[in-house]
Amino acid sequence: MSTTMITETSSKGLGSGIYTQSILNYLYQRLVLEFNVPYVWGCPCDVLLDLFAEHFSQNHLDCGVATGYFPATVLQRTRQANSQRQITLLDLNPNCLEAAKSAILAEAPQIPVHTVEADIKAPIPAALKGKKFDTISMFNLFHCVPGGASKFQALATYKDVLADDGVFIGCTVLGQKHTTGWFSRNYLSLYNWVGVFNNWDDKAEDIESVLRSAYKEVDTWKVGTILMWRVKGPKKA
């Protein structure tokens, strides 16, 4: 077992800071994954899990890790394929990094897990410079990130650590333009008012524009209010 922790200093907003150990341990899966995702945002969690499982390589970078549900669940189902795997976790919140690392090591204690505390909107952290990952994931991250459409430039920034034949996947809850009814719209409004979400004006076209500017092959699709993407072929600067 190998674990490392490298910290990049950055300011924290409510969207990240709300995830205390108590919320991660007792509320996140029940509220976010079992209720919000399927019943508010209209996307069965298994749809997201299948996308993650399909593109979870032996050399994976997961950004915006929450409780580590997605990698831990896939590891639980694929125990025989974990011996050569290594995982790097990146998040702004150290509570999330610790929870995700613990969940992963509970399923696969022999694999190296590296953690990097950093803001997704900042330049590539020093700990990742020069590295290449076969797969990168950013699940349920950007709807919590402030910054308007400019925050999506991070999607292009991380092409620099994606292997030439690698795959970058992700998903995010879109803003009010894409809500599917009064319930999801009002729920979204509440989350933005409280500050848990920062996505009221997030649009699919803004995300797609950045992805197409940075990658050669871009697939995006919506299920309910959630946009998913799968991109390949990072373009050279």
Protein backbone atom coordinates (compact mmCIF):
# COMPACT_ATOMS: atom_id res chain seq x y z
CA MET A 1 0.00 0.00 0.00
CA SER A 2 1.30 3.45 -0.89
CA THR A 3 -0.30 6.79 -0.15
CA THR A 4 1.02 10.28 -0.67
CA MET A 5 -0.49 13.67 0.07
CA ILE A 6 0.59 16.85 -1.71
CA THR A 7 -1.10 20.17 -0.90
CA GLU A 8 -1.60 23.10 -3.25
CA THR A 9 -2.80 26.24 -1.45
CA SER A 10 -6.02 27.79 -2.68
CA SER A 11 -9.10 29.58 -1.38
CA LYS A 12 -12.09 27.42 -0.59
CA GLY A 13 -15.68 28.31 -1.34
CA LEU A 14 -18.87 27.00 0.24
CA GLY A 15 -19.40 24.53 -2.60
CA SER A 16 -16.32 22.62 -1.53
CA GLY A 17 -16.20 23.50 2.15
CA ILE A 18 -19.67 22.17 2.91
CA TYR A 19 -18.35 18.61 2.69
CA THR A 20 -17.42 17.92 6.28
CA GLN A 21 -16.53 14.42 7.44
CA SER A 22 -20.04 14.02 8.92
CA ILE A 23 -21.78 14.97 5.69
CA LEU A 24 -19.52 12.72 3.64
CA ASN A 25 -19.98 9.79 6.01
CA TYR A 26 -23.71 9.97 6.66
CA LEU A 27 -25.45 12.17 4.09
CA TYR A 28 -23.64 12.41 0.76
CA GLN A 29 -24.53 9.04 -0.74
CA ARG A 30 -28.11 9.07 0.50
CA LEU A 31 -28.89 12.65 -0.52
CA VAL A 32 -26.70 13.25 -3.57
CA LEU A 33 -26.41 9.85 -5.25
CA GLU A 34 -29.58 8.07 -4.14
CA PHE A 35 -32.00 11.03 -4.21
CA ASN A 36 -30.73 14.12 -6.03
CA VAL A 37 -29.13 12.44 -9.04
CA PRO A 38 -32.03 10.12 -9.99
CA TYR A 39 -35.06 12.00 -8.68
CA VAL A 40 -34.16 15.68 -8.94
CA TRP A 41 -31.71 15.72 -11.84
CA GLY A 42 -33.35 12.80 -13.66
CA CYS A 43 -30.34 10.54 -14.23
CA PRO A 44 -30.06 7.05 -12.69
CA CYS A 45 -26.80 6.80 -10.76
CA ASP A 46 -26.02 3.56 -12.59
CA VAL A 47 -25.72 5.56 -15.81
CA LEU A 48 -22.89 7.57 -14.29
CA LEU A 49 -21.34 4.48 -12.72
CA ASP A 50 -21.33 2.65 -16.06
CA LEU A 51 -19.56 5.57 -17.74
CA PHE A 52 -16.95 5.64 -15.00
CA ALA A 53 -16.43 1.87 -15.05
CA GLU A 54 -15.97 1.80 -18.82
CA HIS A 55 -13.13 4.31 -18.67
CA PHE A 56 -11.40 3.51 -15.37
CA SER A 57 -7.88 2.63 -16.44
CA GLN A 58 -4.87 1.30 -14.61
CA ASN A 59 -3.49 4.86 -14.44
CA HIS A 60 -6.38 7.12 -13.50
CA LEU A 61 -6.79 10.72 -12.30
CA ASP A 62 -10.08 11.48 -10.50
CA CYS A 63 -10.87 15.17 -9.91
CA GLY A 64 -13.62 16.25 -7.53
CA VAL A 65 -13.66 13.03 -5.56
CA ALA A 66 -16.40 13.46 -2.90
CA THR A 67 -16.58 10.12 -1.05
CA GLY A 68 -14.75 8.08 -3.68
CA TYR A 69 -17.99 6.24 -4.49
CA PHE A 70 -17.29 5.72 -8.19
CA PRO A 71 -13.75 4.29 -8.05
CA ALA A 72 -14.46 2.32 -4.85
CA THR A 73 -17.57 0.72 -6.35
CA VAL A 74 -15.76 -0.27 -9.54
CA LEU A 75 -12.83 -1.63 -7.54
CA GLN A 76 -15.21 -3.74 -5.49
CA ARG A 77 -16.58 -5.28 -8.68
CA THR A 78 -13.20 -5.85 -10.37
CA ARG A 79 -10.95 -7.17 -7.62
CA GLN A 80 -8.93 -9.40 -9.96
CA ALA A 81 -7.94 -6.47 -12.18
CA ASN A 82 -6.55 -4.18 -9.48
CA SER A 83 -3.02 -5.44 -8.93
CA GLN A 84 -1.33 -3.04 -11.37
CA ARG A 85 -3.66 -0.08 -10.87
CA GLN A 86 -2.70 3.32 -9.48
CA ILE A 87 -5.01 6.21 -8.72
CA THR A 88 -4.45 9.91 -8.22
CA LEU A 89 -7.13 11.94 -6.45
CA LEU A 90 -7.45 15.72 -6.80
CA ASP A 91 -9.80 17.87 -4.76
CA LEU A 92 -9.95 21.24 -3.02
CA ASN A 93 -11.34 19.73 0.17
CA PRO A 94 -9.02 17.57 2.31
CA ASN A 95 -12.05 15.85 3.88
CA CYS A 96 -13.05 14.56 0.45
CA LEU A 97 -9.53 13.38 -0.29
CA GLU A 98 -9.35 11.46 2.97
CA ALA A 99 -12.81 9.92 2.53
CA ALA A 100 -12.12 8.87 -1.06
CA LYS A 101 -8.69 7.48 -0.25
CA SER A 102 -10.13 5.44 2.62
CA ALA A 103 -12.96 4.09 0.46
CA ILE A 104 -10.53 3.06 -2.29
CA LEU A 105 -8.05 1.39 0.05
CA ALA A 106 -10.87 -0.48 1.78
CA GLU A 107 -11.54 -2.21 -1.54
CA ALA A 108 -7.97 -2.44 -2.87
CA PRO A 109 -5.43 -1.92 -0.07
CA GLN A 110 -2.49 -2.90 -2.27
CA ILE A 111 -2.76 -0.14 -4.89
CA PRO A 112 -0.92 3.20 -4.75
CA VAL A 113 -3.22 6.16 -4.04
CA HIS A 114 -1.79 9.67 -4.46
CA THR A 115 -3.74 12.72 -3.28
CA VAL A 116 -3.38 16.32 -4.42
CA GLU A 117 -5.23 19.16 -2.70
CA ALA A 118 -5.78 21.82 -5.37
CA ASP A 119 -8.32 24.10 -7.03
CA ILE A 120 -9.53 22.72 -10.36
CA LYS A 121 -9.54 26.27 -11.80
CA ALA A 122 -5.86 26.85 -11.04
CA PRO A 123 -3.02 25.82 -13.36
CA ILE A 124 -1.92 22.20 -13.30
CA PRO A 125 -0.53 21.52 -9.80
CA ALA A 126 3.21 21.04 -9.56
CA ALA A 127 2.60 17.49 -8.33
CA LEU A 128 1.04 16.57 -11.69
CA LYS A 129 3.33 18.39 -14.11
CA GLY A 130 5.08 16.03 -16.46
CA LYS A 131 2.66 13.20 -15.72
CA LYS A 132 0.29 11.57 -18.20
CA PHE A 133 -2.86 9.68 -17.26
CA ASP A 134 -4.63 7.09 -19.39
CA THR A 135 -7.99 8.24 -18.08
CA ILE A 136 -9.26 11.34 -16.27
CA SER A 137 -12.65 11.83 -14.63
CA MET A 138 -14.45 14.91 -13.34
CA PHE A 139 -17.78 13.74 -11.95
CA ASN A 140 -20.31 16.03 -10.24
CA LEU A 141 -17.72 18.77 -9.87
CA PHE A 142 -18.40 21.89 -11.92
CA HIS A 143 -21.88 22.60 -10.61
CA CYS A 144 -20.20 23.27 -7.24
CA VAL A 145 -17.46 25.48 -8.67
CA PRO A 146 -17.92 29.28 -8.79
CA GLY A 147 -16.65 31.39 -11.65
CA GLY A 148 -19.27 31.43 -14.39
CA ALA A 149 -18.43 30.07 -17.82
CA SER A 150 -14.74 30.79 -17.30
CA LYS A 151 -14.48 27.86 -14.86
CA PHE A 152 -14.87 25.44 -17.76
CA GLN A 153 -11.41 26.39 -19.03
CA ALA A 154 -10.23 23.75 -16.57
CA LEU A 155 -11.55 21.19 -19.04
CA ALA A 156 -8.91 22.39 -21.50
CA THR A 157 -6.20 22.84 -18.88
CA TYR A 158 -6.22 19.16 -17.97
CA LYS A 159 -5.58 18.01 -21.53
CA ASP A 160 -1.92 18.56 -20.70
CA VAL A 161 -1.93 15.56 -18.33
CA LEU A 162 -3.99 13.27 -20.57
CA ALA A 163 -2.13 10.68 -22.62
CA ASP A 164 -2.37 11.08 -26.40
CA ASP A 165 -4.60 7.99 -26.58
CA GLY A 166 -6.28 8.67 -23.24
CA VAL A 167 -9.95 9.31 -22.45
CA PHE A 168 -11.40 12.15 -20.36
CA ILE A 169 -14.92 11.68 -18.98
CA GLY A 170 -17.16 13.71 -16.74
CA CYS A 171 -20.61 14.91 -15.79
CA THR A 172 -22.18 17.99 -14.25
CA VAL A 173 -25.61 19.32 -13.34
CA LEU A 174 -26.51 22.08 -15.79
CA GLY A 175 -28.14 25.41 -14.95
CA GLN A 176 -31.69 26.74 -15.04
CA LYS A 177 -31.88 26.77 -18.86
CA HIS A 178 -31.71 22.96 -18.82
CA THR A 179 -34.00 22.16 -15.89
CA THR A 180 -36.78 19.69 -16.68
CA GLY A 181 -39.63 21.08 -14.60
CA TRP A 182 -40.67 23.27 -11.69
CA PHE A 183 -39.29 20.91 -9.07
CA SER A 184 -35.77 20.68 -10.47
CA ARG A 185 -35.75 24.43 -11.20
CA ASN A 186 -36.77 25.37 -7.66
CA TYR A 187 -34.38 22.82 -6.17
CA LEU A 188 -31.57 24.26 -8.28
CA SER A 189 -32.53 27.78 -7.22
CA LEU A 190 -32.37 26.79 -3.55
CA TYR A 191 -28.96 25.12 -3.93
CA ASN A 192 -27.59 28.20 -5.67
CA TRP A 193 -29.10 30.56 -3.10
CA VAL A 194 -27.57 28.60 -0.24
CA GLY A 195 -24.24 28.39 -2.08
CA VAL A 196 -23.92 24.62 -2.34
CA PHE A 197 -24.12 24.96 -6.14
CA ASN A 198 -22.72 27.70 -8.36
CA ASN A 199 -24.32 26.70 -11.64
CA TRP A 200 -27.44 28.77 -12.23
CA ASP A 201 -26.19 29.99 -15.61
CA ASP A 202 -24.19 26.89 -16.61
CA LYS A 203 -24.97 25.93 -20.20
CA ALA A 204 -24.19 22.81 -22.20
CA GLU A 205 -22.92 24.88 -25.12
CA ASP A 206 -20.28 26.60 -22.96
CA ILE A 207 -18.90 23.23 -21.88
CA GLU A 208 -19.03 21.79 -25.38
CA SER A 209 -17.24 24.82 -26.82
CA VAL A 210 -14.27 24.39 -24.48
CA LEU A 211 -14.12 20.65 -25.07
CA ARG A 212 -14.10 21.06 -28.85
CA SER A 213 -11.35 23.66 -28.64
CA ALA A 214 -9.11 21.29 -26.68
CA TYR A 215 -9.86 17.76 -27.91
CA LYS A 216 -10.14 16.08 -31.31
CA GLU A 217 -12.99 13.70 -30.49
CA VAL A 218 -15.87 15.02 -28.39
CA ASP A 219 -19.06 13.23 -27.39
CA THR A 220 -21.61 14.90 -25.11
CA TRP A 221 -25.11 13.86 -24.13
CA LYS A 222 -27.72 14.78 -21.56
CA VAL A 223 -29.77 12.62 -19.23
CA GLY A 224 -32.25 14.78 -17.37
CA THR A 225 -30.42 17.89 -16.20
CA ILE A 226 -27.02 16.21 -16.22
CA LEU A 227 -24.55 16.66 -19.08
CA MET A 228 -22.02 13.89 -19.63
CA TRP A 229 -18.95 13.92 -21.85
CA ARG A 230 -16.33 11.57 -23.23
CA VAL A 231 -13.44 13.13 -25.12
CA LYS A 232 -10.21 11.87 -26.69
CA GLY A 233 -7.18 13.25 -28.48
CA PRO A 234 -5.84 16.26 -26.59
CA LYS A 235 -4.86 18.95 -29.07
CA LYS A 236 -1.33 20.24 -28.93
CA ALA A 237 -0.76 23.83 -27.87
